[in-house]
Amino acid sequence: MDTIKLPVASLFQEKLMHYQELVAVLTEERKWIANANVDELWRMSDAKTTIARKIDQLRARLLEIFTEAGIDHNMIPETFNTSKIVSLLPGSLRKELAGTLLSLGIVKEEVRSLSRDNKQYIETYLTMLDDLMSVLTGRSQTPAMYGSQQNQKRSDGARLFHQEV
């Protein structure tokens, strides 16, 4: 078990760093959403994708370390579960990682919150644009169907803008 101590601690620290990078990207993305700067939004999208790939690679590496140490985890990177991985660690290592894991949980919640806020901001912005275009084109007002409602059939069939968030 001592052979996994250093790499596991290092990988969790690196994972925390990547989630902090994601918070910075999501915070910057909000600014570009407000400015409607499409080029910068594409850059932010690429940055988020890159960070997500790095996090996936860390998950895969953590699972490899556990497999090499003979620890049965029954996971693949797509089903990675931090709580389950931590529960497989010896108590002394869990204690050493407690601060990092607590910080990781807090940062993950911040990522979820920022992501949710950015999505809501985009949906509100698209609805406002659609309302504005309805006024400009003289179309009757129809309810906006962005987000989870996008897959429902529309009776009017003609939307000036179609965007998935």
Protein backbone atom coordinates (compact mmCIF):
# COMPACT_ATOMS: atom_id res chain seq x y z
CA MET A 1 0.00 0.00 0.00
CA ASP A 2 2.93 2.36 0.59
CA THR A 3 3.81 2.08 -3.10
CA ILE A 4 0.58 3.83 -4.08
CA LYS A 5 0.74 6.54 -1.42
CA LEU A 6 2.86 9.07 -3.31
CA PRO A 7 1.31 8.64 -6.78
CA VAL A 8 -2.26 8.69 -5.42
CA ALA A 9 -1.65 11.82 -3.34
CA SER A 10 0.06 13.49 -6.30
CA LEU A 11 -2.75 12.58 -8.71
CA PHE A 12 -5.47 13.87 -6.37
CA GLN A 13 -3.50 17.11 -5.97
CA GLU A 14 -3.23 17.38 -9.76
CA LYS A 15 -6.95 16.67 -10.11
CA LEU A 16 -7.69 19.51 -7.68
CA MET A 17 -5.47 21.81 -9.75
CA HIS A 18 -7.38 20.94 -12.95
CA TYR A 19 -10.74 21.58 -11.29
CA GLN A 20 -9.43 24.96 -10.12
CA GLU A 21 -8.43 25.69 -13.73
CA LEU A 22 -11.96 24.76 -14.76
CA VAL A 23 -13.38 27.26 -12.25
CA ALA A 24 -11.18 29.97 -13.78
CA VAL A 25 -12.33 29.06 -17.31
CA LEU A 26 -16.01 29.02 -16.31
CA THR A 27 -15.61 32.39 -14.59
CA GLU A 28 -13.98 33.85 -17.70
CA GLU A 29 -16.63 32.22 -19.88
CA ARG A 30 -19.32 34.17 -18.02
CA LYS A 31 -17.64 37.40 -19.08
CA TRP A 32 -17.62 36.32 -22.72
CA ILE A 33 -21.24 35.23 -22.53
CA ALA A 34 -22.17 38.69 -21.27
CA ASN A 35 -20.16 40.28 -24.10
CA ALA A 36 -21.57 37.81 -26.66
CA ASN A 37 -18.03 37.18 -27.93
CA VAL A 38 -18.48 33.98 -29.92
CA ASP A 39 -14.78 33.55 -30.76
CA GLU A 40 -13.84 33.68 -27.08
CA LEU A 41 -16.70 31.33 -26.20
CA TRP A 42 -15.29 28.78 -28.67
CA ARG A 43 -11.89 29.22 -27.03
CA MET A 44 -13.46 28.63 -23.62
CA SER A 45 -15.20 25.52 -24.96
CA ASP A 46 -11.86 24.17 -26.20
CA ALA A 47 -10.24 24.95 -22.84
CA LYS A 48 -13.00 23.11 -20.96
CA THR A 49 -12.64 20.10 -23.27
CA THR A 50 -8.88 20.03 -22.72
CA ILE A 51 -9.26 20.17 -18.95
CA ALA A 52 -11.93 17.45 -19.01
CA ARG A 53 -9.57 15.20 -20.99
CA LYS A 54 -6.81 15.79 -18.44
CA ILE A 55 -9.17 14.89 -15.60
CA ASP A 56 -10.22 11.72 -17.45
CA GLN A 57 -6.55 10.79 -17.90
CA LEU A 58 -5.97 11.25 -14.17
CA ARG A 59 -8.93 9.01 -13.40
CA ALA A 60 -7.54 6.34 -15.71
CA ARG A 61 -4.10 6.63 -14.10
CA LEU A 62 -5.57 6.32 -10.60
CA LEU A 63 -7.42 3.18 -11.64
CA GLU A 64 -4.22 1.77 -13.18
CA ILE A 65 -2.36 2.35 -9.92
CA PHE A 66 -5.04 0.51 -7.99
CA THR A 67 -5.07 -2.35 -10.49
CA GLU A 68 -1.26 -2.63 -10.41
CA ALA A 69 -1.40 -2.74 -6.60
CA GLY A 70 -3.92 -5.59 -6.79
CA ILE A 71 -6.79 -3.54 -5.38
CA ASP A 72 -10.12 -4.57 -6.89
CA HIS A 73 -12.10 -1.43 -7.76
CA ASN A 74 -14.51 -2.67 -10.50
CA MET A 75 -14.39 0.68 -12.32
CA ILE A 76 -13.43 2.11 -15.65
CA PRO A 77 -12.62 5.81 -16.14
CA GLU A 78 -16.20 6.52 -17.29
CA THR A 79 -17.61 5.13 -14.03
CA PHE A 80 -14.92 6.60 -11.78
CA ASN A 81 -16.18 7.33 -8.28
CA THR A 82 -13.92 9.30 -5.96
CA SER A 83 -15.76 8.16 -2.83
CA LYS A 84 -15.34 4.51 -3.77
CA ILE A 85 -11.65 4.97 -4.59
CA VAL A 86 -11.04 6.74 -1.30
CA SER A 87 -12.87 4.00 0.61
CA LEU A 88 -10.35 1.49 -0.79
CA LEU A 89 -7.39 3.44 0.62
CA PRO A 90 -5.91 2.63 4.04
CA GLY A 91 -7.08 4.90 6.84
CA SER A 92 -3.71 6.61 7.25
CA LEU A 93 -3.66 7.65 3.59
CA ARG A 94 -7.29 8.80 3.76
CA LYS A 95 -6.34 11.04 6.69
CA GLU A 96 -3.42 12.49 4.75
CA LEU A 97 -5.66 13.17 1.75
CA ALA A 98 -8.55 14.59 3.80
CA GLY A 99 -7.66 18.24 3.13
CA THR A 100 -7.15 17.70 -0.59
CA LEU A 101 -10.36 15.69 -0.88
CA LEU A 102 -12.33 18.32 1.02
CA SER A 103 -10.95 21.05 -1.26
CA LEU A 104 -11.72 18.88 -4.28
CA GLY A 105 -15.34 18.49 -3.17
CA ILE A 106 -15.72 22.23 -2.65
CA VAL A 107 -14.18 23.07 -6.03
CA LYS A 108 -16.34 20.46 -7.79
CA GLU A 109 -19.45 22.07 -6.29
CA GLU A 110 -18.22 25.46 -7.47
CA VAL A 111 -17.77 24.04 -10.99
CA ARG A 112 -21.33 22.68 -10.93
CA SER A 113 -22.68 26.02 -9.72
CA LEU A 114 -20.78 28.09 -12.29
CA SER A 115 -21.75 25.71 -15.07
CA ARG A 116 -25.41 25.85 -14.04
CA ASP A 117 -25.29 29.66 -13.82
CA ASN A 118 -23.63 30.00 -17.23
CA LYS A 119 -26.20 27.69 -18.82
CA GLN A 120 -29.04 29.69 -17.25
CA TYR A 121 -27.47 32.94 -18.42
CA ILE A 122 -27.19 31.60 -21.99
CA GLU A 123 -30.80 30.38 -21.95
CA THR A 124 -31.99 33.76 -20.69
CA TYR A 125 -29.92 35.55 -23.32
CA LEU A 126 -31.27 33.34 -26.13
CA THR A 127 -34.83 33.85 -24.93
CA MET A 128 -34.31 37.60 -24.89
CA LEU A 129 -32.85 37.51 -28.42
CA ASP A 130 -35.79 35.42 -29.61
CA ASP A 131 -38.24 37.85 -28.02
CA LEU A 132 -36.45 40.77 -29.64
CA MET A 133 -36.50 39.08 -33.04
CA SER A 134 -40.20 38.34 -32.60
CA VAL A 135 -40.85 42.04 -32.10
CA LEU A 136 -38.65 43.01 -35.05
CA THR A 137 -40.19 40.46 -37.43
CA GLY A 138 -43.76 40.93 -36.23
CA ARG A 139 -44.16 37.25 -35.33
CA SER A 140 -46.54 36.38 -32.57
CA GLN A 141 -44.92 35.62 -29.27
CA THR A 142 -44.23 31.91 -28.74
CA PRO A 143 -42.74 30.32 -25.65
CA ALA A 144 -38.99 29.77 -25.84
CA MET A 145 -37.89 26.18 -25.89
CA TYR A 146 -34.23 26.17 -24.98
CA GLY A 147 -32.49 23.65 -22.78
CA SER A 148 -34.28 20.46 -21.78
CA GLN A 149 -37.42 21.39 -23.74
CA GLN A 150 -35.57 21.52 -27.07
CA ASN A 151 -36.55 18.00 -28.11
CA GLN A 152 -40.27 18.64 -27.85
CA LYS A 153 -42.15 19.27 -31.10
CA ARG A 154 -43.14 22.85 -31.85
CA SER A 155 -46.42 23.63 -33.54
CA ASP A 156 -45.26 26.82 -35.28
CA GLY A 157 -42.20 25.13 -36.82
CA ALA A 158 -40.40 28.39 -37.63
CA ARG A 159 -37.89 29.68 -35.13
CA LEU A 160 -35.51 32.36 -36.27
CA PHE A 161 -32.72 31.06 -34.00
CA HIS A 162 -32.11 27.47 -33.00
CA GLN A 163 -29.46 26.89 -30.36
CA GLU A 164 -28.58 23.99 -28.11
CA VAL A 165 -26.98 24.79 -24.76
